[in-house]
């Protein structure tokens, strides 16, 4: 758990309602698991979610991988089912977190409070020349982050009574302004400040909320361009029914263009940028 940013792992309503992706709609959707000799299990070894941003690089959360050596991890191509025979499992060749990269640029340390909030992002290079999978297009434009705009979040949701989701699901979210986000908590008499550099998104219709294994997962614009990653939620009162529309926190990518470019240098496989 990262100090300085509120991350609440919840077993409330799953991230998504009943919106299932169509086959091959989101082939760039990947999951990171602890490697096991037998079959993949969402319970126990599912760590986080990611997006394929080149033909061999996955963007995900740094926090959810803390304490795990890359040799103990596998990355699975997702889309509609992680168990589908056509979905490959990959080893990780290299991992680069934003904090590591920032220091390598000659900086002594991350600035102030940003050292925690802004470092929760990393890139995994898969041990393969080319996955052959179409990767997602990245948008660094601020227009897609305008409050009131729609956003699409993709995640698994929690296990229920030992039954775990095998397919990712969609949630159609709305981007909130910082003022609106904090006001929603104030009306519930809950003190909450949006972490610097983060966005709030909410599903007012279904009350969808990210759970631990969803962190690092993609948040897309209405044009299906990657604009950020899920990194947590705001405070989750108990019982959860007292706060039916929880806030999901997103780390937008507009501050990470140089980091992503430096760690995906390959003219043939470079990210699609808008």
C-alpha atoms as a PDB file:
ATOM      1  CA  UNK A   1       0.000   0.000   0.000  1.00  0.00           C
ATOM      2  CA  UNK A   2       1.491   3.333  -1.046  1.00  0.00           C
ATOM      3  CA  UNK A   3       1.728   6.023   1.607  1.00  0.00           C
ATOM      4  CA  UNK A   4       0.305   9.405   0.648  1.00  0.00           C
ATOM      5  CA  UNK A   5      -2.433   8.155  -1.651  1.00  0.00           C
ATOM      6  CA  UNK A   6      -5.614   6.488  -0.456  1.00  0.00           C
ATOM      7  CA  UNK A   7      -5.871   3.013  -1.960  1.00  0.00           C
ATOM      8  CA  UNK A   8      -8.825   0.988  -0.772  1.00  0.00           C
ATOM      9  CA  UNK A   9      -9.084  -2.633  -1.868  1.00  0.00           C
ATOM     10  CA  UNK A  10     -12.785  -3.397  -1.824  1.00  0.00           C
ATOM     11  CA  UNK A  11     -14.998  -6.421  -2.259  1.00  0.00           C
ATOM     12  CA  UNK A  12     -18.038  -4.294  -2.985  1.00  0.00           C
ATOM     13  CA  UNK A  13     -19.909  -4.239  -6.280  1.00  0.00           C
ATOM     14  CA  UNK A  14     -17.649  -5.509  -9.105  1.00  0.00           C
ATOM     15  CA  UNK A  15     -15.942  -2.924 -11.262  1.00  0.00           C
ATOM     16  CA  UNK A  16     -18.312  -3.640 -14.085  1.00  0.00           C
ATOM     17  CA  UNK A  17     -21.999  -4.427 -14.366  1.00  0.00           C
ATOM     18  CA  UNK A  18     -23.189  -6.755 -17.131  1.00  0.00           C
ATOM     19  CA  UNK A  19     -21.288  -5.186 -20.028  1.00  0.00           C
ATOM     20  CA  UNK A  20     -19.160  -7.923 -21.557  1.00  0.00           C
ATOM     21  CA  UNK A  21     -16.735  -7.171 -24.390  1.00  0.00           C
ATOM     22  CA  UNK A  22     -17.301  -8.825 -27.726  1.00  0.00           C
ATOM     23  CA  UNK A  23     -14.720 -11.385 -28.904  1.00  0.00           C
ATOM     24  CA  UNK A  24     -11.373  -9.758 -29.773  1.00  0.00           C
ATOM     25  CA  UNK A  25     -12.692  -6.294 -28.833  1.00  0.00           C
ATOM     26  CA  UNK A  26      -9.903  -5.640 -26.326  1.00  0.00           C
ATOM     27  CA  UNK A  27      -7.052  -7.965 -27.217  1.00  0.00           C
ATOM     28  CA  UNK A  28      -4.635  -5.446 -25.684  1.00  0.00           C
ATOM     29  CA  UNK A  29      -6.088  -6.215 -22.240  1.00  0.00           C
ATOM     30  CA  UNK A  30      -3.581  -8.235 -20.202  1.00  0.00           C
ATOM     31  CA  UNK A  31      -3.445  -9.687 -16.687  1.00  0.00           C
ATOM     32  CA  UNK A  32      -0.363 -10.195 -14.499  1.00  0.00           C
ATOM     33  CA  UNK A  33      -0.288 -13.294 -12.294  1.00  0.00           C
ATOM     34  CA  UNK A  34       2.057 -15.183 -10.011  1.00  0.00           C
ATOM     35  CA  UNK A  35       3.318 -18.129 -12.040  1.00  0.00           C
ATOM     36  CA  UNK A  36       2.095 -21.577 -11.023  1.00  0.00           C
ATOM     37  CA  UNK A  37       2.779 -24.988 -12.504  1.00  0.00           C
ATOM     38  CA  UNK A  38      -0.889 -25.819 -12.873  1.00  0.00           C
ATOM     39  CA  UNK A  39      -3.718 -23.719 -14.265  1.00  0.00           C
ATOM     40  CA  UNK A  40      -4.270 -20.009 -13.894  1.00  0.00           C
ATOM     41  CA  UNK A  41      -6.436 -19.019 -10.927  1.00  0.00           C
ATOM     42  CA  UNK A  42      -7.839 -15.552 -10.382  1.00  0.00           C
ATOM     43  CA  UNK A  43      -7.911 -16.176  -6.635  1.00  0.00           C
ATOM     44  CA  UNK A  44      -4.508 -16.056  -5.004  1.00  0.00           C
ATOM     45  CA  UNK A  45      -2.181 -15.421  -7.926  1.00  0.00           C
ATOM     46  CA  UNK A  46      -3.913 -12.626  -9.864  1.00  0.00           C
ATOM     47  CA  UNK A  47      -2.005  -9.412  -9.095  1.00  0.00           C
ATOM     48  CA  UNK A  48      -2.946  -6.653 -11.489  1.00  0.00           C
ATOM     49  CA  UNK A  49      -4.129  -5.711 -14.940  1.00  0.00           C
ATOM     50  CA  UNK A  50      -2.346  -3.992 -17.814  1.00  0.00           C
ATOM     51  CA  UNK A  51      -2.554  -2.762 -21.395  1.00  0.00           C
ATOM     52  CA  UNK A  52      -0.410  -3.749 -24.349  1.00  0.00           C
ATOM     53  CA  UNK A  53       0.991  -0.407 -25.610  1.00  0.00           C
ATOM     54  CA  UNK A  54       3.408  -1.847 -28.193  1.00  0.00           C
ATOM     55  CA  UNK A  55       3.593  -5.333 -29.629  1.00  0.00           C
ATOM     56  CA  UNK A  56       5.661  -6.387 -26.592  1.00  0.00           C
ATOM     57  CA  UNK A  57       5.274  -3.781 -23.815  1.00  0.00           C
ATOM     58  CA  UNK A  58       2.579  -3.767 -21.126  1.00  0.00           C
ATOM     59  CA  UNK A  59       1.692  -0.688 -19.080  1.00  0.00           C
ATOM     60  CA  UNK A  60       0.462  -1.389 -15.554  1.00  0.00           C
ATOM     61  CA  UNK A  61       0.572  -0.301 -11.904  1.00  0.00           C
ATOM     62  CA  UNK A  62       3.884  -0.393 -10.045  1.00  0.00           C
ATOM     63  CA  UNK A  63       2.262  -0.739  -6.628  1.00  0.00           C
ATOM     64  CA  UNK A  64       0.541  -4.048  -7.305  1.00  0.00           C
ATOM     65  CA  UNK A  65       3.862  -5.656  -8.323  1.00  0.00           C
ATOM     66  CA  UNK A  66       5.760  -4.537  -5.225  1.00  0.00           C
ATOM     67  CA  UNK A  67       7.548  -7.426  -3.562  1.00  0.00           C
ATOM     68  CA  UNK A  68       7.312  -9.762  -6.560  1.00  0.00           C
ATOM     69  CA  UNK A  69      10.360 -10.721  -8.633  1.00  0.00           C
ATOM     70  CA  UNK A  70       9.713 -10.665 -12.368  1.00  0.00           C
ATOM     71  CA  UNK A  71      10.879 -14.292 -12.670  1.00  0.00           C
ATOM     72  CA  UNK A  72       7.904 -15.308 -10.514  1.00  0.00           C
ATOM     73  CA  UNK A  73       5.352 -13.587 -12.760  1.00  0.00           C
ATOM     74  CA  UNK A  74       3.506 -14.361 -15.965  1.00  0.00           C
ATOM     75  CA  UNK A  75       1.557 -12.013 -18.223  1.00  0.00           C
ATOM     76  CA  UNK A  76      -1.560 -13.360 -19.935  1.00  0.00           C
ATOM     77  CA  UNK A  77      -3.247 -11.925 -23.006  1.00  0.00           C
ATOM     78  CA  UNK A  78      -6.820 -11.250 -21.996  1.00  0.00           C
ATOM     79  CA  UNK A  79      -9.746 -10.053 -24.124  1.00  0.00           C
ATOM     80  CA  UNK A  80     -12.860 -12.132 -23.431  1.00  0.00           C
ATOM     81  CA  UNK A  81     -11.337 -14.950 -21.380  1.00  0.00           C
ATOM     82  CA  UNK A  82      -7.919 -15.609 -19.881  1.00  0.00           C
ATOM     83  CA  UNK A  83      -8.581 -19.327 -20.237  1.00  0.00           C
ATOM     84  CA  UNK A  84      -9.159 -19.275 -23.988  1.00  0.00           C
ATOM     85  CA  UNK A  85      -6.610 -21.550 -25.710  1.00  0.00           C
ATOM     86  CA  UNK A  86      -5.624 -18.796 -28.125  1.00  0.00           C
ATOM     87  CA  UNK A  87      -4.463 -16.488 -25.335  1.00  0.00           C
ATOM     88  CA  UNK A  88      -0.748 -16.761 -24.687  1.00  0.00           C
ATOM     89  CA  UNK A  89       1.141 -16.577 -21.400  1.00  0.00           C
ATOM     90  CA  UNK A  90       4.391 -14.585 -21.488  1.00  0.00           C
ATOM     91  CA  UNK A  91       7.482 -14.239 -19.326  1.00  0.00           C
ATOM     92  CA  UNK A  92       8.714 -10.761 -18.382  1.00  0.00           C
ATOM     93  CA  UNK A  93      12.113  -9.768 -19.785  1.00  0.00           C
ATOM     94  CA  UNK A  94      12.386  -6.418 -17.979  1.00  0.00           C
ATOM     95  CA  UNK A  95      10.418  -4.195 -15.625  1.00  0.00           C
ATOM     96  CA  UNK A  96      10.865  -0.431 -15.417  1.00  0.00           C
ATOM     97  CA  UNK A  97       8.978   1.675 -12.884  1.00  0.00           C
ATOM     98  CA  UNK A  98       8.572   5.408 -13.224  1.00  0.00           C
ATOM     99  CA  UNK A  99      10.562   5.914 -10.016  1.00  0.00           C
ATOM    100  CA  UNK A 100      13.505   3.890 -11.383  1.00  0.00           C
ATOM    101  CA  UNK A 101      13.447   5.761 -14.677  1.00  0.00           C
ATOM    102  CA  UNK A 102      13.209   9.158 -12.981  1.00  0.00           C
ATOM    103  CA  UNK A 103      16.354   8.473 -10.952  1.00  0.00           C
ATOM    104  CA  UNK A 104      18.165   7.222 -14.047  1.00  0.00           C
ATOM    105  CA  UNK A 105      17.576  10.615 -15.664  1.00  0.00           C
ATOM    106  CA  UNK A 106      19.997  12.112 -13.151  1.00  0.00           C
ATOM    107  CA  UNK A 107      17.419  13.200 -10.601  1.00  0.00           C
ATOM    108  CA  UNK A 108      18.205  12.551  -6.945  1.00  0.00           C
ATOM    109  CA  UNK A 109      14.614  11.912  -5.921  1.00  0.00           C
ATOM    110  CA  UNK A 110      11.025  12.404  -6.985  1.00  0.00           C
ATOM    111  CA  UNK A 111       9.718  15.861  -6.085  1.00  0.00           C
ATOM    112  CA  UNK A 112       7.842  16.128  -2.802  1.00  0.00           C
ATOM    113  CA  UNK A 113       4.522  14.330  -2.501  1.00  0.00           C
ATOM    114  CA  UNK A 114       4.830  13.170  -6.106  1.00  0.00           C
ATOM    115  CA  UNK A 115       7.295  10.447  -5.104  1.00  0.00           C
ATOM    116  CA  UNK A 116       4.404   8.216  -4.083  1.00  0.00           C
ATOM    117  CA  UNK A 117       1.455   9.311  -6.179  1.00  0.00           C
ATOM    118  CA  UNK A 118       3.292   9.805  -9.467  1.00  0.00           C
ATOM    119  CA  UNK A 119       5.464   6.691  -9.286  1.00  0.00           C
ATOM    120  CA  UNK A 120       2.614   4.180  -9.398  1.00  0.00           C
ATOM    121  CA  UNK A 121       3.167   3.191 -13.000  1.00  0.00           C
ATOM    122  CA  UNK A 122       5.523   0.793 -14.741  1.00  0.00           C
ATOM    123  CA  UNK A 123       6.265  -0.841 -18.069  1.00  0.00           C
ATOM    124  CA  UNK A 124       6.801  -4.577 -18.518  1.00  0.00           C
ATOM    125  CA  UNK A 125       8.780  -5.741 -21.544  1.00  0.00           C
ATOM    126  CA  UNK A 126       7.627  -9.210 -22.514  1.00  0.00           C
ATOM    127  CA  UNK A 127      10.157 -11.899 -23.381  1.00  0.00           C
ATOM    128  CA  UNK A 128       9.028 -12.091 -26.984  1.00  0.00           C
ATOM    129  CA  UNK A 129       9.913 -10.261 -30.177  1.00  0.00           C
ATOM    130  CA  UNK A 130       6.321  -9.630 -31.183  1.00  0.00           C
ATOM    131  CA  UNK A 131       3.108 -10.846 -29.570  1.00  0.00           C
ATOM    132  CA  UNK A 132       1.293 -10.412 -32.858  1.00  0.00           C
ATOM    133  CA  UNK A 133      -1.496  -8.663 -30.954  1.00  0.00           C
ATOM    134  CA  UNK A 134      -2.857  -5.271 -31.926  1.00  0.00           C
ATOM    135  CA  UNK A 135      -1.956  -2.841 -29.146  1.00  0.00           C
ATOM    136  CA  UNK A 136      -3.987   0.053 -27.827  1.00  0.00           C
ATOM    137  CA  UNK A 137      -3.549   3.629 -29.032  1.00  0.00           C
ATOM    138  CA  UNK A 138      -2.419   6.127 -26.389  1.00  0.00           C
ATOM    139  CA  UNK A 139      -3.874   9.622 -26.097  1.00  0.00           C
ATOM    140  CA  UNK A 140      -1.872  12.192 -24.137  1.00  0.00           C
ATOM    141  CA  UNK A 141      -4.276  15.010 -24.951  1.00  0.00           C
ATOM    142  CA  UNK A 142      -5.942  16.840 -22.072  1.00  0.00           C
ATOM    143  CA  UNK A 143      -9.208  17.178 -24.035  1.00  0.00           C
ATOM    144  CA  UNK A 144     -10.061  13.552 -23.301  1.00  0.00           C
ATOM    145  CA  UNK A 145      -9.771  14.272 -19.559  1.00  0.00           C
ATOM    146  CA  UNK A 146     -12.309  17.099 -19.464  1.00  0.00           C
ATOM    147  CA  UNK A 147     -14.791  16.777 -16.563  1.00  0.00           C
ATOM    148  CA  UNK A 148     -18.123  15.495 -17.813  1.00  0.00           C
ATOM    149  CA  UNK A 149     -16.558  13.415 -20.558  1.00  0.00           C
ATOM    150  CA  UNK A 150     -17.212   9.711 -20.686  1.00  0.00           C
ATOM    151  CA  UNK A 151     -14.552   7.080 -20.022  1.00  0.00           C
ATOM    152  CA  UNK A 152     -14.503   3.305 -20.313  1.00  0.00           C
ATOM    153  CA  UNK A 153     -12.912   1.254 -17.542  1.00  0.00           C
ATOM    154  CA  UNK A 154     -12.098  -2.425 -17.981  1.00  0.00           C
ATOM    155  CA  UNK A 155     -11.637  -4.877 -15.117  1.00  0.00           C
ATOM    156  CA  UNK A 156     -12.449  -8.255 -13.629  1.00  0.00           C
ATOM    157  CA  UNK A 157     -14.332  -7.465 -10.450  1.00  0.00           C
ATOM    158  CA  UNK A 158     -14.043  -9.490  -7.222  1.00  0.00           C
ATOM    159  CA  UNK A 159     -14.576 -13.166  -6.577  1.00  0.00           C
ATOM    160  CA  UNK A 160     -17.949 -14.041  -5.065  1.00  0.00           C
ATOM    161  CA  UNK A 161     -18.238 -17.130  -2.855  1.00  0.00           C
ATOM    162  CA  UNK A 162     -15.124 -18.730  -4.381  1.00  0.00           C
ATOM    163  CA  UNK A 163     -16.403 -18.082  -7.913  1.00  0.00           C
ATOM    164  CA  UNK A 164     -14.139 -15.767  -9.863  1.00  0.00           C
ATOM    165  CA  UNK A 165     -14.731 -13.939 -13.156  1.00  0.00           C
ATOM    166  CA  UNK A 166     -12.900 -15.403 -16.122  1.00  0.00           C
ATOM    167  CA  UNK A 167     -13.795 -12.556 -18.478  1.00  0.00           C
ATOM    168  CA  UNK A 168     -13.150  -8.818 -18.216  1.00  0.00           C
ATOM    169  CA  UNK A 169     -16.151  -6.506 -18.151  1.00  0.00           C
ATOM    170  CA  UNK A 170     -16.788  -2.902 -19.081  1.00  0.00           C
ATOM    171  CA  UNK A 171     -18.005   0.079 -17.114  1.00  0.00           C
ATOM    172  CA  UNK A 172     -19.079   3.330 -18.706  1.00  0.00           C
ATOM    173  CA  UNK A 173     -17.778   6.030 -16.371  1.00  0.00           C
ATOM    174  CA  UNK A 174     -17.901   9.808 -16.153  1.00  0.00           C
ATOM    175  CA  UNK A 175     -14.887  12.005 -15.420  1.00  0.00           C
ATOM    176  CA  UNK A 176     -15.438  14.301 -12.435  1.00  0.00           C
ATOM    177  CA  UNK A 177     -13.807  17.606 -11.677  1.00  0.00           C
ATOM    178  CA  UNK A 178     -11.646  17.726  -8.553  1.00  0.00           C
ATOM    179  CA  UNK A 179     -14.251  19.950  -6.881  1.00  0.00           C
ATOM    180  CA  UNK A 180     -17.150  17.655  -7.754  1.00  0.00           C
ATOM    181  CA  UNK A 181     -15.203  14.578  -6.640  1.00  0.00           C
ATOM    182  CA  UNK A 182     -14.373  16.021  -3.238  1.00  0.00           C
ATOM    183  CA  UNK A 183     -17.876  17.485  -2.810  1.00  0.00           C
ATOM    184  CA  UNK A 184     -19.423  14.039  -3.190  1.00  0.00           C
ATOM    185  CA  UNK A 185     -17.469  12.910  -0.157  1.00  0.00           C
ATOM    186  CA  UNK A 186     -18.140  16.099   1.744  1.00  0.00           C
ATOM    187  CA  UNK A 187     -21.870  15.483   1.391  1.00  0.00           C
ATOM    188  CA  UNK A 188     -21.267  12.105   3.044  1.00  0.00           C
ATOM    189  CA  UNK A 189     -19.262  13.852   5.793  1.00  0.00           C
ATOM    190  CA  UNK A 190     -16.085  12.146   4.626  1.00  0.00           C
ATOM    191  CA  UNK A 191     -12.827  14.068   4.325  1.00  0.00           C
ATOM    192  CA  UNK A 192     -11.094  13.324   1.057  1.00  0.00           C
ATOM    193  CA  UNK A 193      -8.650  15.205  -1.164  1.00  0.00           C
ATOM    194  CA  UNK A 194      -7.951  14.056  -4.708  1.00  0.00           C
ATOM    195  CA  UNK A 195      -4.257  13.062  -4.895  1.00  0.00           C
ATOM    196  CA  UNK A 196      -2.142  15.384  -7.084  1.00  0.00           C
ATOM    197  CA  UNK A 197      -2.157  14.411 -10.736  1.00  0.00           C
ATOM    198  CA  UNK A 198      -5.107  12.031 -10.450  1.00  0.00           C
ATOM    199  CA  UNK A 199      -8.559  11.928 -12.025  1.00  0.00           C
ATOM    200  CA  UNK A 200     -11.815  10.773 -10.465  1.00  0.00           C
ATOM    201  CA  UNK A 201     -14.228   8.660 -12.475  1.00  0.00           C
ATOM    202  CA  UNK A 202     -17.594   7.331 -11.364  1.00  0.00           C
ATOM    203  CA  UNK A 203     -20.308   4.997 -12.609  1.00  0.00           C
ATOM    204  CA  UNK A 204     -23.478   6.664 -11.322  1.00  0.00           C
ATOM    205  CA  UNK A 205     -25.642   4.017 -12.902  1.00  0.00           C
ATOM    206  CA  UNK A 206     -24.163   0.786 -11.531  1.00  0.00           C
ATOM    207  CA  UNK A 207     -21.838   1.974  -8.768  1.00  0.00           C
ATOM    208  CA  UNK A 208     -18.898   0.083 -10.268  1.00  0.00           C
ATOM    209  CA  UNK A 209     -15.713   0.037  -8.210  1.00  0.00           C
ATOM    210  CA  UNK A 210     -12.192  -1.199  -8.853  1.00  0.00           C
ATOM    211  CA  UNK A 211     -10.886  -4.036  -6.711  1.00  0.00           C
ATOM    212  CA  UNK A 212      -7.289  -5.017  -6.092  1.00  0.00           C
ATOM    213  CA  UNK A 213      -6.751  -7.095  -9.242  1.00  0.00           C
ATOM    214  CA  UNK A 214      -8.129  -4.304 -11.448  1.00  0.00           C
ATOM    215  CA  UNK A 215      -5.348  -1.862 -10.601  1.00  0.00           C
ATOM    216  CA  UNK A 216      -3.154  -0.992 -13.550  1.00  0.00           C
ATOM    217  CA  UNK A 217      -6.088  -1.681 -15.857  1.00  0.00           C
ATOM    218  CA  UNK A 218      -6.958   0.543 -18.801  1.00  0.00           C
ATOM    219  CA  UNK A 219      -9.173   3.597 -18.776  1.00  0.00           C
ATOM    220  CA  UNK A 220     -10.185   4.543 -22.303  1.00  0.00           C
ATOM    221  CA  UNK A 221     -11.645   7.603 -23.939  1.00  0.00           C
ATOM    222  CA  UNK A 222     -14.855   7.437 -25.953  1.00  0.00           C
ATOM    223  CA  UNK A 223     -12.571   6.835 -28.966  1.00  0.00           C
ATOM    224  CA  UNK A 224     -11.110   3.712 -27.297  1.00  0.00           C
ATOM    225  CA  UNK A 225      -7.759   5.430 -26.764  1.00  0.00           C
ATOM    226  CA  UNK A 226      -5.830   4.751 -23.566  1.00  0.00           C
ATOM    227  CA  UNK A 227      -5.883   7.866 -21.369  1.00  0.00           C
ATOM    228  CA  UNK A 228      -4.945   6.443 -17.959  1.00  0.00           C
ATOM    229  CA  UNK A 229      -4.739   3.469 -15.624  1.00  0.00           C
ATOM    230  CA  UNK A 230      -6.839   2.517 -12.607  1.00  0.00           C
ATOM    231  CA  UNK A 231      -4.843   2.915  -9.396  1.00  0.00           C
ATOM    232  CA  UNK A 232      -7.401   2.742  -6.588  1.00  0.00           C
ATOM    233  CA  UNK A 233     -10.558   4.200  -5.114  1.00  0.00           C
ATOM    234  CA  UNK A 234     -11.524   6.920  -2.708  1.00  0.00           C
ATOM    235  CA  UNK A 235     -12.614   6.005   0.833  1.00  0.00           C
ATOM    236  CA  UNK A 236     -15.114   3.154   0.998  1.00  0.00           C
ATOM    237  CA  UNK A 237     -17.444   3.482   4.008  1.00  0.00           C
ATOM    238  CA  UNK A 238     -18.880   0.396   5.622  1.00  0.00           C
ATOM    239  CA  UNK A 239     -21.454  -0.825   4.899  1.00  0.00           C
ATOM    240  CA  UNK A 240     -20.781  -0.008   1.241  1.00  0.00           C
ATOM    241  CA  UNK A 241     -24.486   0.470   0.612  1.00  0.00           C
ATOM    242  CA  UNK A 242     -24.220   3.818   2.393  1.00  0.00           C
ATOM    243  CA  UNK A 243     -22.107   5.092  -0.497  1.00  0.00           C
ATOM    244  CA  UNK A 244     -23.567   3.513  -3.645  1.00  0.00           C
ATOM    245  CA  UNK A 245     -21.445   5.370  -6.213  1.00  0.00           C
ATOM    246  CA  UNK A 246     -17.799   5.017  -5.163  1.00  0.00           C
ATOM    247  CA  UNK A 247     -15.051   7.049  -6.755  1.00  0.00           C
ATOM    248  CA  UNK A 248     -12.370   5.322  -8.812  1.00  0.00           C
ATOM    249  CA  UNK A 249      -8.945   6.954  -9.070  1.00  0.00           C
ATOM    250  CA  UNK A 250      -7.118   7.167 -12.380  1.00  0.00           C
ATOM    251  CA  UNK A 251      -3.524   8.114 -13.142  1.00  0.00           C
ATOM    252  CA  UNK A 252      -3.730   9.948 -16.494  1.00  0.00           C
ATOM    253  CA  UNK A 253      -0.904   9.403 -18.969  1.00  0.00           C
ATOM    254  CA  UNK A 254      -0.305  12.980 -20.124  1.00  0.00           C
ATOM    255  CA  UNK A 255       2.597  13.353 -17.646  1.00  0.00           C
ATOM    256  CA  UNK A 256       4.283  10.119 -18.743  1.00  0.00           C
ATOM    257  CA  UNK A 257       4.889  10.571 -22.464  1.00  0.00           C
ATOM    258  CA  UNK A 258       8.685  10.757 -22.105  1.00  0.00           C
ATOM    259  CA  UNK A 259       8.800   7.811 -19.698  1.00  0.00           C
ATOM    260  CA  UNK A 260       6.767   5.645 -22.052  1.00  0.00           C
ATOM    261  CA  UNK A 261       8.746   6.704 -25.128  1.00  0.00           C
ATOM    262  CA  UNK A 262      12.136   6.046 -23.479  1.00  0.00           C
ATOM    263  CA  UNK A 263      11.128   2.542 -22.418  1.00  0.00           C
ATOM    264  CA  UNK A 264       9.478   1.412 -25.638  1.00  0.00           C
ATOM    265  CA  UNK A 265      12.125   2.544 -28.114  1.00  0.00           C
ATOM    266  CA  UNK A 266      11.679   0.387 -31.172  1.00  0.00           C
ATOM    267  CA  UNK A 267      10.670   2.083 -34.407  1.00  0.00           C
ATOM    268  CA  UNK A 268       8.860  -1.007 -35.626  1.00  0.00           C
ATOM    269  CA  UNK A 269       6.927  -1.579 -32.409  1.00  0.00           C
ATOM    270  CA  UNK A 270       6.537   1.949 -31.048  1.00  0.00           C
ATOM    271  CA  UNK A 271       3.265   2.993 -29.387  1.00  0.00           C
ATOM    272  CA  UNK A 272       0.466   4.539 -31.411  1.00  0.00           C
ATOM    273  CA  UNK A 273       0.189   8.136 -30.239  1.00  0.00           C
ATOM    274  CA  UNK A 274      -2.607  10.618 -30.717  1.00  0.00           C
END
